[in-house]
Amino acid sequence: LYMGDDQVHWFSILNSLVIVLLLSGIVAMIMVRTLRRDLAEYNSVEEKEELLEESGWKLVHADVFRPPQQPILLSASLGTGMQLLAMAVVSIGCAMLGFLSPANRGGLLTATLLTFMLMGVPAGYCASHTYKALKGTEWKLVTVLTATLYPGAIAATLFVLNFFIWGQQSSGAIPFGTMVVLLLMWFGVSVPLVFAGAFFGFKAKLKDPPCRTNEIPRQVPEQAWYMVGAFNVLMGGILPFGAIFIELFFI
């Protein structure tokens, strides 16, 4: 059977995805088994002197569940991430089942935006439940930020760029009526669903943490320049981004 170049690239992307998922699952299974054994030992130890033999990341096991400095921002970010993950899973699932045809131009984008609006419930639930676990009290603020922070920033950037496209009188500009419809869907569908999810999230019962948290935080030594968060994020994301960009460029 003859396969065109586009089909070959799709098979290459699918093959890479399967390999990444398989390797990630193996690593995750090993880490889960190791962490369960370590946590059981930590919870069963009565004398703190026995923990002095540990080294590395195991020394901070009693600080993992300590509330961060910005619990509201963390909860809102987790909620928006859950909303994007649910949107991606539903959209890809519908495309795989044949409900979204590539022949319908713009159909995938429309379905993705609609799915994002409807996934407000898991976003609000995840954000509120995380904020409750961090012993937060400003539940209204975290719910509003989950519904408006990242979508608002993206919408503002899109509108500003669209104004420049309007100024060039380009046919690729988004019509004003479409932007109004998107705003109405955002405030009329997504925001209420986020509040509904937050209500159920705050009502849900919290699970006990797997290990205790020390009252006095452990001092973390200053890290080298290549161990900071920005550099790790850049190095961890540039390789997958480059591979996906090159594959999609030829489709």
C-alpha atoms as a PDB file:
ATOM      1  CA  LEU A   1       0.000   0.000   0.000  1.00  0.00           C
ATOM      2  CA  TYR A   2       1.285   3.440  -0.908  1.00  0.00           C
ATOM      3  CA  MET A   3       1.559   5.995   1.868  1.00  0.00           C
ATOM      4  CA  GLY A   4       2.167   9.658   1.164  1.00  0.00           C
ATOM      5  CA  ASP A   5       4.650  11.828   2.984  1.00  0.00           C
ATOM      6  CA  ASP A   6       1.959  13.308   5.227  1.00  0.00           C
ATOM      7  CA  GLN A   7       0.810   9.862   6.331  1.00  0.00           C
ATOM      8  CA  VAL A   8       4.388   8.792   7.028  1.00  0.00           C
ATOM      9  CA  HIS A   9       4.907  11.836   9.263  1.00  0.00           C
ATOM     10  CA  TRP A  10       1.684  11.106  11.156  1.00  0.00           C
ATOM     11  CA  PHE A  11       2.900   7.552  11.790  1.00  0.00           C
ATOM     12  CA  SER A  12       6.226   8.983  12.975  1.00  0.00           C
ATOM     13  CA  ILE A  13       4.475  11.306  15.429  1.00  0.00           C
ATOM     14  CA  LEU A  14       2.287   8.465  16.722  1.00  0.00           C
ATOM     15  CA  ASN A  15       5.314   6.205  17.114  1.00  0.00           C
ATOM     16  CA  SER A  16       7.204   8.866  19.071  1.00  0.00           C
ATOM     17  CA  LEU A  17       4.173   9.487  21.281  1.00  0.00           C
ATOM     18  CA  VAL A  18       3.774   5.786  22.084  1.00  0.00           C
ATOM     19  CA  ILE A  19       7.474   5.456  22.955  1.00  0.00           C
ATOM     20  CA  VAL A  20       7.357   8.516  25.234  1.00  0.00           C
ATOM     21  CA  LEU A  21       4.236   7.261  27.013  1.00  0.00           C
ATOM     22  CA  LEU A  22       5.712   3.789  27.456  1.00  0.00           C
ATOM     23  CA  LEU A  23       8.989   5.072  28.886  1.00  0.00           C
ATOM     24  CA  SER A  24       7.180   7.602  31.100  1.00  0.00           C
ATOM     25  CA  GLY A  25       4.920   4.844  32.428  1.00  0.00           C
ATOM     26  CA  ILE A  26       7.878   2.630  33.283  1.00  0.00           C
ATOM     27  CA  VAL A  27       9.697   5.456  35.091  1.00  0.00           C
ATOM     28  CA  ALA A  28       6.520   6.485  36.916  1.00  0.00           C
ATOM     29  CA  MET A  29       5.865   2.911  38.063  1.00  0.00           C
ATOM     30  CA  ILE A  30       9.406   2.581  39.441  1.00  0.00           C
ATOM     31  CA  MET A  31       9.178   5.928  41.235  1.00  0.00           C
ATOM     32  CA  VAL A  32       5.765   5.142  42.726  1.00  0.00           C
ATOM     33  CA  ARG A  33       7.000   1.836  44.149  1.00  0.00           C
ATOM     34  CA  THR A  34      10.112   3.513  45.571  1.00  0.00           C
ATOM     35  CA  LEU A  35       8.175   6.419  47.064  1.00  0.00           C
ATOM     36  CA  ARG A  36       5.615   4.149  48.678  1.00  0.00           C
ATOM     37  CA  ARG A  37       8.335   2.152  50.388  1.00  0.00           C
ATOM     38  CA  ASP A  38      10.158   5.285  51.549  1.00  0.00           C
ATOM     39  CA  LEU A  39       6.984   6.949  52.837  1.00  0.00           C
ATOM     40  CA  ALA A  40       6.046   3.824  54.756  1.00  0.00           C
ATOM     41  CA  GLU A  41       9.488   3.885  56.406  1.00  0.00           C
ATOM     42  CA  TYR A  42       9.212   7.598  57.242  1.00  0.00           C
ATOM     43  CA  ASN A  43       5.784   7.216  58.815  1.00  0.00           C
ATOM     44  CA  SER A  44       6.877   4.193  60.862  1.00  0.00           C
ATOM     45  CA  VAL A  45      10.087   5.731  62.213  1.00  0.00           C
ATOM     46  CA  GLU A  46       9.750   6.937  65.772  1.00  0.00           C
ATOM     47  CA  GLU A  47      13.231   8.247  66.329  1.00  0.00           C
ATOM     48  CA  LYS A  48      14.389  11.113  64.128  1.00  0.00           C
ATOM     49  CA  GLU A  49      17.995  10.010  64.433  1.00  0.00           C
ATOM     50  CA  GLU A  50      17.366   7.187  61.993  1.00  0.00           C
ATOM     51  CA  LEU A  51      16.673   9.715  59.252  1.00  0.00           C
ATOM     52  CA  LEU A  52      20.118  11.264  59.495  1.00  0.00           C
ATOM     53  CA  GLU A  53      21.516   8.632  57.149  1.00  0.00           C
ATOM     54  CA  GLU A  54      19.327   9.871  54.278  1.00  0.00           C
ATOM     55  CA  SER A  55      20.720  12.211  51.674  1.00  0.00           C
ATOM     56  CA  GLY A  56      19.628  14.174  48.645  1.00  0.00           C
ATOM     57  CA  TRP A  57      15.970  14.829  47.939  1.00  0.00           C
ATOM     58  CA  LYS A  58      14.837  12.430  50.688  1.00  0.00           C
ATOM     59  CA  LEU A  59      15.922  14.988  53.273  1.00  0.00           C
ATOM     60  CA  VAL A  60      13.036  17.283  52.265  1.00  0.00           C
ATOM     61  CA  HIS A  61      10.293  14.654  52.465  1.00  0.00           C
ATOM     62  CA  ALA A  62       8.795  16.451  55.463  1.00  0.00           C
ATOM     63  CA  ASP A  63       8.558  19.749  53.529  1.00  0.00           C
ATOM     64  CA  VAL A  64       6.811  18.541  50.374  1.00  0.00           C
ATOM     65  CA  PHE A  65       3.289  19.335  51.573  1.00  0.00           C
ATOM     66  CA  ARG A  66       4.170  22.671  53.168  1.00  0.00           C
ATOM     67  CA  PRO A  67       1.967  25.493  51.751  1.00  0.00           C
ATOM     68  CA  PRO A  68       3.920  27.596  49.214  1.00  0.00           C
ATOM     69  CA  GLN A  69       4.334  31.353  49.266  1.00  0.00           C
ATOM     70  CA  GLN A  70       1.700  31.874  46.552  1.00  0.00           C
ATOM     71  CA  PRO A  71      -0.976  29.213  47.104  1.00  0.00           C
ATOM     72  CA  ILE A  72      -3.600  31.146  45.142  1.00  0.00           C
ATOM     73  CA  LEU A  73      -1.433  31.410  42.036  1.00  0.00           C
ATOM     74  CA  LEU A  74      -0.463  27.736  42.306  1.00  0.00           C
ATOM     75  CA  SER A  75      -4.090  26.628  42.625  1.00  0.00           C
ATOM     76  CA  ALA A  76      -5.219  28.809  39.705  1.00  0.00           C
ATOM     77  CA  SER A  77      -2.397  27.471  37.543  1.00  0.00           C
ATOM     78  CA  LEU A  78      -3.288  23.864  38.390  1.00  0.00           C
ATOM     79  CA  GLY A  79      -6.938  24.541  37.613  1.00  0.00           C
ATOM     80  CA  THR A  80      -6.162  26.059  34.223  1.00  0.00           C
ATOM     81  CA  GLY A  81      -3.762  23.211  33.462  1.00  0.00           C
ATOM     82  CA  MET A  82      -6.463  20.674  34.259  1.00  0.00           C
ATOM     83  CA  GLN A  83      -8.844  22.556  31.971  1.00  0.00           C
ATOM     84  CA  LEU A  84      -6.327  22.463  29.115  1.00  0.00           C
ATOM     85  CA  LEU A  85      -5.603  18.771  29.716  1.00  0.00           C
ATOM     86  CA  ALA A  86      -9.300  17.861  29.664  1.00  0.00           C
ATOM     87  CA  MET A  87      -9.773  19.966  26.518  1.00  0.00           C
ATOM     88  CA  ALA A  88      -6.879  18.205  24.770  1.00  0.00           C
ATOM     89  CA  VAL A  89      -8.060  14.712  25.756  1.00  0.00           C
ATOM     90  CA  VAL A  90     -11.641  15.309  24.623  1.00  0.00           C
ATOM     91  CA  SER A  91     -10.636  17.030  21.386  1.00  0.00           C
ATOM     92  CA  ILE A  92      -8.095  14.352  20.421  1.00  0.00           C
ATOM     93  CA  GLY A  93     -10.577  11.618  21.359  1.00  0.00           C
ATOM     94  CA  CYS A  94     -13.280  13.126  19.152  1.00  0.00           C
ATOM     95  CA  ALA A  95     -10.796  13.501  16.289  1.00  0.00           C
ATOM     96  CA  MET A  96      -9.684   9.869  16.621  1.00  0.00           C
ATOM     97  CA  LEU A  97     -13.306   8.661  16.596  1.00  0.00           C
ATOM     98  CA  GLY A  98     -13.986  10.576  13.391  1.00  0.00           C
ATOM     99  CA  PHE A  99     -16.296  13.268  14.770  1.00  0.00           C
ATOM    100  CA  LEU A 100     -13.892  16.003  13.611  1.00  0.00           C
ATOM    101  CA  SER A 101     -12.972  15.766   9.950  1.00  0.00           C
ATOM    102  CA  PRO A 102      -9.837  17.516   8.634  1.00  0.00           C
ATOM    103  CA  ALA A 103     -11.848  18.377   5.531  1.00  0.00           C
ATOM    104  CA  ASN A 104     -14.002  20.722   7.615  1.00  0.00           C
ATOM    105  CA  ARG A 105     -11.779  23.776   7.752  1.00  0.00           C
ATOM    106  CA  GLY A 106     -11.794  25.342  11.191  1.00  0.00           C
ATOM    107  CA  GLY A 107     -13.845  22.539  12.706  1.00  0.00           C
ATOM    108  CA  LEU A 108     -11.062  21.360  15.012  1.00  0.00           C
ATOM    109  CA  LEU A 109     -10.394  24.897  16.271  1.00  0.00           C
ATOM    110  CA  THR A 110     -14.082  25.508  16.911  1.00  0.00           C
ATOM    111  CA  ALA A 111     -14.449  22.213  18.749  1.00  0.00           C
ATOM    112  CA  THR A 112     -11.331  22.948  20.817  1.00  0.00           C
ATOM    113  CA  LEU A 113     -12.631  26.363  21.915  1.00  0.00           C
ATOM    114  CA  LEU A 114     -16.049  24.927  22.745  1.00  0.00           C
ATOM    115  CA  THR A 115     -14.476  22.079  24.711  1.00  0.00           C
ATOM    116  CA  PHE A 116     -12.311  24.538  26.645  1.00  0.00           C
ATOM    117  CA  MET A 117     -15.420  26.469  27.678  1.00  0.00           C
ATOM    118  CA  LEU A 118     -17.177  23.303  28.823  1.00  0.00           C
ATOM    119  CA  MET A 119     -14.214  22.033  30.852  1.00  0.00           C
ATOM    120  CA  GLY A 120     -14.641  24.701  33.521  1.00  0.00           C
ATOM    121  CA  VAL A 121     -15.946  22.174  36.058  1.00  0.00           C
ATOM    122  CA  PRO A 122     -12.699  20.141  36.360  1.00  0.00           C
ATOM    123  CA  ALA A 123     -10.730  23.416  36.417  1.00  0.00           C
ATOM    124  CA  GLY A 124     -12.699  24.817  39.351  1.00  0.00           C
ATOM    125  CA  TYR A 125     -12.708  21.479  41.171  1.00  0.00           C
ATOM    126  CA  CYS A 126      -8.939  20.982  40.888  1.00  0.00           C
ATOM    127  CA  ALA A 127      -8.126  24.572  41.859  1.00  0.00           C
ATOM    128  CA  SER A 128     -10.459  24.704  44.852  1.00  0.00           C
ATOM    129  CA  HIS A 129      -9.524  21.256  46.138  1.00  0.00           C
ATOM    130  CA  THR A 130      -5.817  22.103  45.923  1.00  0.00           C
ATOM    131  CA  TYR A 131      -6.368  25.437  47.650  1.00  0.00           C
ATOM    132  CA  LYS A 132      -8.337  23.718  50.396  1.00  0.00           C
ATOM    133  CA  ALA A 133      -5.491  21.229  50.892  1.00  0.00           C
ATOM    134  CA  LEU A 134      -3.135  24.202  51.281  1.00  0.00           C
ATOM    135  CA  LYS A 135      -5.373  25.525  54.081  1.00  0.00           C
ATOM    136  CA  GLY A 136      -6.469  28.586  52.122  1.00  0.00           C
ATOM    137  CA  THR A 137      -9.458  30.737  53.068  1.00  0.00           C
ATOM    138  CA  GLU A 138      -9.923  33.135  50.132  1.00  0.00           C
ATOM    139  CA  TRP A 139     -11.932  30.723  48.013  1.00  0.00           C
ATOM    140  CA  LYS A 140     -13.701  33.451  46.037  1.00  0.00           C
ATOM    141  CA  LEU A 141     -10.416  34.967  44.868  1.00  0.00           C
ATOM    142  CA  VAL A 142      -8.905  31.656  43.776  1.00  0.00           C
ATOM    143  CA  THR A 143     -12.075  30.782  41.853  1.00  0.00           C
ATOM    144  CA  VAL A 144     -12.147  34.128  40.046  1.00  0.00           C
ATOM    145  CA  LEU A 145      -8.447  33.872  39.170  1.00  0.00           C
ATOM    146  CA  THR A 146      -8.907  30.333  37.868  1.00  0.00           C
ATOM    147  CA  ALA A 147     -11.664  31.508  35.562  1.00  0.00           C
ATOM    148  CA  THR A 148     -10.053  34.756  34.384  1.00  0.00           C
ATOM    149  CA  LEU A 149      -6.263  34.896  34.928  1.00  0.00           C
ATOM    150  CA  TYR A 150      -4.770  32.856  32.075  1.00  0.00           C
ATOM    151  CA  PRO A 151      -7.785  33.019  29.704  1.00  0.00           C
ATOM    152  CA  GLY A 152      -7.902  36.779  30.250  1.00  0.00           C
ATOM    153  CA  ALA A 153      -4.207  37.204  29.472  1.00  0.00           C
ATOM    154  CA  ILE A 154      -4.515  35.140  26.277  1.00  0.00           C
ATOM    155  CA  ALA A 155      -7.705  36.942  25.226  1.00  0.00           C
ATOM    156  CA  ALA A 156      -6.129  40.372  25.791  1.00  0.00           C
ATOM    157  CA  THR A 157      -3.083  39.409  23.729  1.00  0.00           C
ATOM    158  CA  LEU A 158      -5.304  38.038  20.960  1.00  0.00           C
ATOM    159  CA  PHE A 159      -7.410  41.192  20.841  1.00  0.00           C
ATOM    160  CA  VAL A 160      -4.372  43.484  20.698  1.00  0.00           C
ATOM    161  CA  LEU A 161      -2.830  41.465  17.864  1.00  0.00           C
ATOM    162  CA  ASN A 162      -6.171  41.413  16.078  1.00  0.00           C
ATOM    163  CA  PHE A 163      -6.364  45.206  16.210  1.00  0.00           C
ATOM    164  CA  PHE A 164      -3.033  45.417  14.363  1.00  0.00           C
ATOM    165  CA  ILE A 165      -4.358  42.970  11.761  1.00  0.00           C
ATOM    166  CA  TRP A 166      -7.430  45.156  11.393  1.00  0.00           C
ATOM    167  CA  GLY A 167      -5.165  48.129  10.837  1.00  0.00           C
ATOM    168  CA  GLN A 168      -3.531  46.315   7.899  1.00  0.00           C
ATOM    169  CA  GLN A 169      -7.017  45.513   6.502  1.00  0.00           C
ATOM    170  CA  SER A 170      -6.161  41.829   6.308  1.00  0.00           C
ATOM    171  CA  SER A 171      -8.777  39.182   5.589  1.00  0.00           C
ATOM    172  CA  GLY A 172      -7.246  37.011   8.328  1.00  0.00           C
ATOM    173  CA  ALA A 173      -8.534  39.296  11.088  1.00  0.00           C
ATOM    174  CA  ILE A 174     -11.135  37.902  13.484  1.00  0.00           C
ATOM    175  CA  PRO A 175     -14.487  39.644  12.975  1.00  0.00           C
ATOM    176  CA  PHE A 176     -15.779  41.810  15.795  1.00  0.00           C
ATOM    177  CA  GLY A 177     -18.914  39.694  16.111  1.00  0.00           C
ATOM    178  CA  THR A 178     -16.827  36.547  16.644  1.00  0.00           C
ATOM    179  CA  MET A 179     -14.901  38.228  19.456  1.00  0.00           C
ATOM    180  CA  VAL A 180     -18.153  39.259  21.127  1.00  0.00           C
ATOM    181  CA  VAL A 181     -19.430  35.675  20.879  1.00  0.00           C
ATOM    182  CA  LEU A 182     -16.199  34.380  22.451  1.00  0.00           C
ATOM    183  CA  LEU A 183     -16.528  36.847  25.336  1.00  0.00           C
ATOM    184  CA  LEU A 184     -20.156  35.856  25.890  1.00  0.00           C
ATOM    185  CA  MET A 185     -19.199  32.167  25.892  1.00  0.00           C
ATOM    186  CA  TRP A 186     -16.375  32.869  28.323  1.00  0.00           C
ATOM    187  CA  PHE A 187     -18.436  34.803  30.868  1.00  0.00           C
ATOM    188  CA  GLY A 188     -21.700  32.955  30.224  1.00  0.00           C
ATOM    189  CA  VAL A 189     -20.435  29.353  30.069  1.00  0.00           C
ATOM    190  CA  SER A 190     -16.866  28.921  31.282  1.00  0.00           C
ATOM    191  CA  VAL A 191     -16.950  31.196  34.357  1.00  0.00           C
ATOM    192  CA  PRO A 192     -20.187  29.717  35.837  1.00  0.00           C
ATOM    193  CA  LEU A 193     -18.871  26.200  35.266  1.00  0.00           C
ATOM    194  CA  VAL A 194     -15.638  27.078  37.089  1.00  0.00           C
ATOM    195  CA  PHE A 195     -17.660  28.332  40.067  1.00  0.00           C
ATOM    196  CA  ALA A 196     -19.749  25.141  39.989  1.00  0.00           C
ATOM    197  CA  GLY A 197     -16.624  22.996  39.999  1.00  0.00           C
ATOM    198  CA  ALA A 198     -15.120  25.093  42.805  1.00  0.00           C
ATOM    199  CA  PHE A 199     -18.239  24.525  44.906  1.00  0.00           C
ATOM    200  CA  PHE A 200     -17.902  20.754  44.647  1.00  0.00           C
ATOM    201  CA  GLY A 201     -14.146  20.965  45.150  1.00  0.00           C
ATOM    202  CA  PHE A 202     -14.453  22.792  48.459  1.00  0.00           C
ATOM    203  CA  LYS A 203     -17.160  20.389  49.592  1.00  0.00           C
ATOM    204  CA  ALA A 204     -15.044  17.315  48.791  1.00  0.00           C
ATOM    205  CA  LYS A 205     -13.260  15.578  51.654  1.00  0.00           C
ATOM    206  CA  LEU A 206      -9.489  15.904  51.794  1.00  0.00           C
ATOM    207  CA  LYS A 207      -7.262  12.852  51.882  1.00  0.00           C
ATOM    208  CA  ASP A 208      -4.619  12.485  54.555  1.00  0.00           C
ATOM    209  CA  PRO A 209      -1.124  13.434  53.337  1.00  0.00           C
ATOM    210  CA  PRO A 210       1.210  10.456  52.904  1.00  0.00           C
ATOM    211  CA  CYS A 211       3.841  11.942  55.238  1.00  0.00           C
ATOM    212  CA  ARG A 212       4.042  14.444  58.066  1.00  0.00           C
ATOM    213  CA  THR A 213       5.164  18.066  57.666  1.00  0.00           C
ATOM    214  CA  ASN A 214       7.789  19.498  59.999  1.00  0.00           C
ATOM    215  CA  GLU A 215       6.959  22.691  61.835  1.00  0.00           C
ATOM    216  CA  ILE A 216      10.371  24.212  61.020  1.00  0.00           C
ATOM    217  CA  PRO A 217      11.219  24.254  57.279  1.00  0.00           C
ATOM    218  CA  ARG A 218      14.538  22.821  56.227  1.00  0.00           C
ATOM    219  CA  GLN A 219      17.045  25.268  54.778  1.00  0.00           C
ATOM    220  CA  VAL A 220      17.749  24.597  51.094  1.00  0.00           C
ATOM    221  CA  PRO A 221      21.294  25.535  49.997  1.00  0.00           C
ATOM    222  CA  GLU A 222      21.794  27.887  47.090  1.00  0.00           C
ATOM    223  CA  GLN A 223      21.774  26.058  43.767  1.00  0.00           C
ATOM    224  CA  ALA A 224      24.083  26.462  40.774  1.00  0.00           C
ATOM    225  CA  TRP A 225      22.969  28.517  37.779  1.00  0.00           C
ATOM    226  CA  TYR A 226      22.109  25.440  35.721  1.00  0.00           C
ATOM    227  CA  MET A 227      19.804  24.117  38.460  1.00  0.00           C
ATOM    228  CA  VAL A 228      17.392  27.076  38.505  1.00  0.00           C
ATOM    229  CA  GLY A 229      13.827  26.630  37.344  1.00  0.00           C
ATOM    230  CA  ALA A 230      13.940  28.743  34.174  1.00  0.00           C
ATOM    231  CA  PHE A 231      16.937  26.876  32.751  1.00  0.00           C
ATOM    232  CA  ASN A 232      15.442  23.461  33.570  1.00  0.00           C
ATOM    233  CA  VAL A 233      12.134  24.388  31.941  1.00  0.00           C
ATOM    234  CA  LEU A 234      13.947  25.607  28.820  1.00  0.00           C
ATOM    235  CA  MET A 235      16.134  22.524  28.470  1.00  0.00           C
ATOM    236  CA  GLY A 236      13.294  20.137  29.272  1.00  0.00           C
ATOM    237  CA  GLY A 237      10.942  21.656  26.702  1.00  0.00           C
ATOM    238  CA  ILE A 238      13.183  22.636  23.805  1.00  0.00           C
ATOM    239  CA  LEU A 239      13.820  19.077  22.586  1.00  0.00           C
ATOM    240  CA  PRO A 240      10.149  17.933  22.484  1.00  0.00           C
ATOM    241  CA  PHE A 241       9.134  21.268  20.967  1.00  0.00           C
ATOM    242  CA  GLY A 242      11.790  20.985  18.274  1.00  0.00           C
ATOM    243  CA  ALA A 243      10.790  17.425  17.378  1.00  0.00           C
ATOM    244  CA  ILE A 244       7.076  18.233  17.201  1.00  0.00           C
ATOM    245  CA  PHE A 245       7.665  21.453  15.259  1.00  0.00           C
ATOM    246  CA  ILE A 246       9.795  19.719  12.639  1.00  0.00           C
ATOM    247  CA  GLU A 247       7.252  16.919  12.199  1.00  0.00           C
ATOM    248  CA  LEU A 248       4.272  19.272  11.947  1.00  0.00           C
ATOM    249  CA  PHE A 249       6.167  21.504   9.517  1.00  0.00           C
ATOM    250  CA  PHE A 250       6.105  18.754   6.873  1.00  0.00           C
ATOM    251  CA  ILE A 251       2.422  17.848   7.300  1.00  0.00           C
END
